[in-house]
């Protein structure tokens, strides 16, 4: 995994997987990941705010 491409570390020191990583993996884990390209667990408002 490559920092900045597949993941980044947030202000709390947690690893956050990117959309690129999820697409490489090829499936949804159904955990409601922040950058889920399949929008699992997100409502219309969340999806709109992500696109800004």
C-alpha atoms as a PDB file:
ATOM      1  CA  UNK A   1       0.000   0.000   0.000  1.00  0.00           C
ATOM      2  CA  UNK A   2       1.187   3.469  -0.874  1.00  0.00           C
ATOM      3  CA  UNK A   3       0.619   6.416   1.475  1.00  0.00           C
ATOM      4  CA  UNK A   4      -1.230   9.243  -0.258  1.00  0.00           C
ATOM      5  CA  UNK A   5      -2.594   6.934  -2.942  1.00  0.00           C
ATOM      6  CA  UNK A   6      -4.118   3.979  -1.079  1.00  0.00           C
ATOM      7  CA  UNK A   7      -4.460   5.584   2.347  1.00  0.00           C
ATOM      8  CA  UNK A   8      -3.723   8.655   4.432  1.00  0.00           C
ATOM      9  CA  UNK A   9      -3.393   9.243   8.152  1.00  0.00           C
ATOM     10  CA  UNK A  10      -6.017  11.590   9.586  1.00  0.00           C
ATOM     11  CA  UNK A  11      -5.544  14.165  12.368  1.00  0.00           C
ATOM     12  CA  UNK A  12      -6.367  11.506  14.981  1.00  0.00           C
ATOM     13  CA  UNK A  13      -3.588   9.245  13.694  1.00  0.00           C
ATOM     14  CA  UNK A  14      -5.972   6.748  12.072  1.00  0.00           C
ATOM     15  CA  UNK A  15      -5.372   5.176   8.674  1.00  0.00           C
ATOM     16  CA  UNK A  16      -8.118   6.071   6.181  1.00  0.00           C
ATOM     17  CA  UNK A  17      -8.421   4.011   2.989  1.00  0.00           C
ATOM     18  CA  UNK A  18      -8.970   5.977  -0.209  1.00  0.00           C
ATOM     19  CA  UNK A  19     -11.408   5.368  -3.049  1.00  0.00           C
ATOM     20  CA  UNK A  20      -8.444   4.205  -5.168  1.00  0.00           C
ATOM     21  CA  UNK A  21      -7.649   1.479  -2.630  1.00  0.00           C
ATOM     22  CA  UNK A  22     -11.258   0.299  -2.516  1.00  0.00           C
ATOM     23  CA  UNK A  23     -11.462   0.130  -6.316  1.00  0.00           C
ATOM     24  CA  UNK A  24      -8.208  -1.873  -6.450  1.00  0.00           C
ATOM     25  CA  UNK A  25      -9.622  -4.285  -3.878  1.00  0.00           C
ATOM     26  CA  UNK A  26     -12.683  -4.661  -6.070  1.00  0.00           C
ATOM     27  CA  UNK A  27     -15.533  -5.154  -3.606  1.00  0.00           C
ATOM     28  CA  UNK A  28     -17.419  -3.429  -0.801  1.00  0.00           C
ATOM     29  CA  UNK A  29     -16.731  -4.615   2.762  1.00  0.00           C
ATOM     30  CA  UNK A  30     -20.038  -3.042   3.926  1.00  0.00           C
ATOM     31  CA  UNK A  31     -18.392  -1.207   6.835  1.00  0.00           C
ATOM     32  CA  UNK A  32     -19.460   2.278   5.696  1.00  0.00           C
ATOM     33  CA  UNK A  33     -15.952   3.453   4.807  1.00  0.00           C
ATOM     34  CA  UNK A  34     -15.517   7.209   4.345  1.00  0.00           C
ATOM     35  CA  UNK A  35     -14.358   6.917   0.712  1.00  0.00           C
ATOM     36  CA  UNK A  36     -16.495   3.956  -0.385  1.00  0.00           C
ATOM     37  CA  UNK A  37     -16.966   4.153  -4.175  1.00  0.00           C
ATOM     38  CA  UNK A  38     -20.112   2.026  -3.799  1.00  0.00           C
ATOM     39  CA  UNK A  39     -21.633   4.524  -1.296  1.00  0.00           C
ATOM     40  CA  UNK A  40     -22.538   1.796   1.173  1.00  0.00           C
ATOM     41  CA  UNK A  41     -24.433   3.243   4.147  1.00  0.00           C
ATOM     42  CA  UNK A  42     -24.587   6.770   2.742  1.00  0.00           C
ATOM     43  CA  UNK A  43     -27.745   8.762   2.142  1.00  0.00           C
ATOM     44  CA  UNK A  44     -28.326  11.313  -0.649  1.00  0.00           C
ATOM     45  CA  UNK A  45     -27.066  14.243   1.490  1.00  0.00           C
ATOM     46  CA  UNK A  46     -23.781  12.458   2.272  1.00  0.00           C
ATOM     47  CA  UNK A  47     -23.237  11.676  -1.394  1.00  0.00           C
ATOM     48  CA  UNK A  48     -23.881  15.303  -2.438  1.00  0.00           C
ATOM     49  CA  UNK A  49     -21.480  16.697   0.195  1.00  0.00           C
ATOM     50  CA  UNK A  50     -18.733  14.239  -0.860  1.00  0.00           C
ATOM     51  CA  UNK A  51     -18.843  15.564  -4.435  1.00  0.00           C
ATOM     52  CA  UNK A  52     -18.083  19.172  -3.404  1.00  0.00           C
END
